[in-house]
């Protein structure tokens, strides 16, 4: 089981790493649609990403956790790599 978790971690680093120094790729996230009338979990996800206003831009590292949050609210945001 230990070997499997090491392979998974190595896979994720290779997939999202920009260089060999183990730094994650940076992404810019912009809220393009309102959170009014959305489900509570979607509102909380936007808040967890740091988005509170329309057209607000935040920058995060492309970790699997952040990418999962982005997937949940992809219809409300735009994403670009930096």
C-alpha atoms as a PDB file:
ATOM      1  CA  UNK A   1       0.000   0.000   0.000  1.00  0.00           C
ATOM      2  CA  UNK A   2       2.900   2.323   0.710  1.00  0.00           C
ATOM      3  CA  UNK A   3       4.295   1.818  -2.777  1.00  0.00           C
ATOM      4  CA  UNK A   4       0.951   2.716  -4.381  1.00  0.00           C
ATOM      5  CA  UNK A   5       0.646   5.998  -2.471  1.00  0.00           C
ATOM      6  CA  UNK A   6       4.199   6.969  -3.445  1.00  0.00           C
ATOM      7  CA  UNK A   7       3.412   6.321  -7.110  1.00  0.00           C
ATOM      8  CA  UNK A   8       0.221   8.372  -6.893  1.00  0.00           C
ATOM      9  CA  UNK A   9       2.017  11.318  -5.298  1.00  0.00           C
ATOM     10  CA  UNK A  10       4.783  11.133  -7.888  1.00  0.00           C
ATOM     11  CA  UNK A  11       2.196  11.008 -10.691  1.00  0.00           C
ATOM     12  CA  UNK A  12       0.411  14.116  -9.397  1.00  0.00           C
ATOM     13  CA  UNK A  13       3.682  16.052  -9.078  1.00  0.00           C
ATOM     14  CA  UNK A  14       4.679  15.127 -12.626  1.00  0.00           C
ATOM     15  CA  UNK A  15       1.246  15.978 -14.020  1.00  0.00           C
ATOM     16  CA  UNK A  16       0.939  19.449 -12.449  1.00  0.00           C
ATOM     17  CA  UNK A  17       4.568  20.461 -12.020  1.00  0.00           C
ATOM     18  CA  UNK A  18       6.008  23.173 -14.246  1.00  0.00           C
ATOM     19  CA  UNK A  19       9.643  22.299 -13.606  1.00  0.00           C
ATOM     20  CA  UNK A  20      11.738  19.709 -11.836  1.00  0.00           C
ATOM     21  CA  UNK A  21      12.156  21.735  -8.634  1.00  0.00           C
ATOM     22  CA  UNK A  22       8.744  20.497  -7.454  1.00  0.00           C
ATOM     23  CA  UNK A  23       6.941  23.817  -7.691  1.00  0.00           C
ATOM     24  CA  UNK A  24       3.335  23.671  -8.743  1.00  0.00           C
ATOM     25  CA  UNK A  25       2.001  25.551 -11.759  1.00  0.00           C
ATOM     26  CA  UNK A  26       0.218  28.812 -10.975  1.00  0.00           C
ATOM     27  CA  UNK A  27      -3.295  29.445 -12.267  1.00  0.00           C
ATOM     28  CA  UNK A  28      -5.445  32.584 -12.301  1.00  0.00           C
ATOM     29  CA  UNK A  29      -9.130  32.175 -11.511  1.00  0.00           C
ATOM     30  CA  UNK A  30     -11.710  34.874 -12.361  1.00  0.00           C
ATOM     31  CA  UNK A  31     -15.358  34.820 -11.290  1.00  0.00           C
ATOM     32  CA  UNK A  32     -17.419  35.534 -14.416  1.00  0.00           C
ATOM     33  CA  UNK A  33     -20.950  34.708 -13.205  1.00  0.00           C
ATOM     34  CA  UNK A  34     -22.841  35.667 -10.076  1.00  0.00           C
ATOM     35  CA  UNK A  35     -23.246  33.326  -7.142  1.00  0.00           C
ATOM     36  CA  UNK A  36     -26.789  34.611  -6.519  1.00  0.00           C
ATOM     37  CA  UNK A  37     -29.272  31.751  -6.784  1.00  0.00           C
ATOM     38  CA  UNK A  38     -26.579  29.056  -6.725  1.00  0.00           C
ATOM     39  CA  UNK A  39     -26.414  26.070  -4.421  1.00  0.00           C
ATOM     40  CA  UNK A  40     -24.897  26.621  -0.995  1.00  0.00           C
ATOM     41  CA  UNK A  41     -21.974  24.284  -1.681  1.00  0.00           C
ATOM     42  CA  UNK A  42     -21.107  26.252  -4.839  1.00  0.00           C
ATOM     43  CA  UNK A  43     -21.166  29.531  -2.900  1.00  0.00           C
ATOM     44  CA  UNK A  44     -18.901  28.029  -0.259  1.00  0.00           C
ATOM     45  CA  UNK A  45     -16.523  26.712  -2.901  1.00  0.00           C
ATOM     46  CA  UNK A  46     -16.197  30.169  -4.465  1.00  0.00           C
ATOM     47  CA  UNK A  47     -15.515  31.615  -1.032  1.00  0.00           C
ATOM     48  CA  UNK A  48     -12.909  28.921  -0.322  1.00  0.00           C
ATOM     49  CA  UNK A  49     -11.181  29.865  -3.574  1.00  0.00           C
ATOM     50  CA  UNK A  50     -11.117  33.485  -2.379  1.00  0.00           C
ATOM     51  CA  UNK A  51     -13.714  34.771  -4.839  1.00  0.00           C
ATOM     52  CA  UNK A  52     -16.259  37.137  -3.315  1.00  0.00           C
ATOM     53  CA  UNK A  53     -17.041  39.611  -6.124  1.00  0.00           C
ATOM     54  CA  UNK A  54     -17.676  39.484  -9.843  1.00  0.00           C
ATOM     55  CA  UNK A  55     -14.541  39.814 -12.028  1.00  0.00           C
ATOM     56  CA  UNK A  56     -12.303  39.281  -9.004  1.00  0.00           C
ATOM     57  CA  UNK A  57      -9.087  37.437  -9.866  1.00  0.00           C
ATOM     58  CA  UNK A  58      -7.167  35.178  -7.498  1.00  0.00           C
ATOM     59  CA  UNK A  59      -4.007  33.176  -8.098  1.00  0.00           C
ATOM     60  CA  UNK A  60      -3.479  29.671  -6.727  1.00  0.00           C
ATOM     61  CA  UNK A  61      -1.099  26.796  -7.231  1.00  0.00           C
ATOM     62  CA  UNK A  62      -2.554  23.973  -9.348  1.00  0.00           C
ATOM     63  CA  UNK A  63      -2.860  21.420  -6.563  1.00  0.00           C
ATOM     64  CA  UNK A  64      -5.320  18.533  -6.873  1.00  0.00           C
ATOM     65  CA  UNK A  65      -7.475  20.139  -4.160  1.00  0.00           C
ATOM     66  CA  UNK A  66      -7.739  23.457  -5.999  1.00  0.00           C
ATOM     67  CA  UNK A  67      -8.394  21.706  -9.317  1.00  0.00           C
ATOM     68  CA  UNK A  68     -11.231  19.759  -7.679  1.00  0.00           C
ATOM     69  CA  UNK A  69     -12.796  22.988  -6.412  1.00  0.00           C
ATOM     70  CA  UNK A  70     -12.435  24.529  -9.866  1.00  0.00           C
ATOM     71  CA  UNK A  71     -14.254  21.558 -11.379  1.00  0.00           C
ATOM     72  CA  UNK A  72     -17.214  22.079  -9.013  1.00  0.00           C
ATOM     73  CA  UNK A  73     -17.766  25.691 -10.088  1.00  0.00           C
ATOM     74  CA  UNK A  74     -16.367  25.659 -13.628  1.00  0.00           C
ATOM     75  CA  UNK A  75     -19.588  27.206 -14.972  1.00  0.00           C
ATOM     76  CA  UNK A  76     -19.065  30.299 -12.782  1.00  0.00           C
ATOM     77  CA  UNK A  77     -15.363  30.968 -13.367  1.00  0.00           C
ATOM     78  CA  UNK A  78     -12.688  31.228 -16.024  1.00  0.00           C
ATOM     79  CA  UNK A  79      -9.217  29.777 -15.515  1.00  0.00           C
ATOM     80  CA  UNK A  80      -5.903  30.556 -17.177  1.00  0.00           C
ATOM     81  CA  UNK A  81      -2.382  29.329 -16.528  1.00  0.00           C
ATOM     82  CA  UNK A  82       0.306  31.861 -15.711  1.00  0.00           C
END
